[in-house]
């Protein structure tokens, strides 16, 4: 009854407001044990779906979509006005998910690798001051946060202007001065911009990881001469 490639993870219990253990008393009074480690103050609180007091594989829940997009689309077009030309290619996908796990999402990779999603991590000082907290307590070693859960579930839907070209052909009376039938100048740009819902601006939705080359923005300038 599930999608092929269905993602599974732990659901965060946000009934206390931020979904993290904010004090030693809250942690002790929860009565929860984790089968994959010992939670600390500042770690995620997971929902005990079968109410047995232990967070384990029995509490995994289906999340998001499969990584393979359910829809993929493109729009290719352009126009020409006198000697000026413009062409473009948009490409996008919808209904596609991925867990941002491992290097690039878990800060303990390579003895500490951080990006924008680790900003505003939980600390006692930040919590006491009522400041914005958007990530659990950091850890240089694997913690109970570093598992598939709905915080790390990413929406891979995106719309990308994959190719844009602007060209101009010189008037014939200009090109004829050097004996050419036509002289055409063109500027081509690949991966112009992307609209997405990723939690990190450093992780491309098409790639899904930060330790892999992200799509470059490539500029090409060309001159075409016909004789």
Foldseek 3Di string as FASTA:
>chain_A
DADVQWDKDFEQDCPVPNQFQQDPVSLVVLLAAEPVAGDDGQAGHTDPVVPPRYDDPVRIDTDFAHQPFPDKDKDWDWDDDDFKIKIWMKIWGFRHKDFLADAAPQQLPPQGDDADQCPQEDDNVCVVVVHDHRHTDHDNDDHPRRTDYPSRMFGLTKMWGAKMKMKGKDDCVVLPVVPWRIKMKMKMKGRPDMDGGGPGPQAHSVRSYNVDDDDDTDIDIDMDTHD
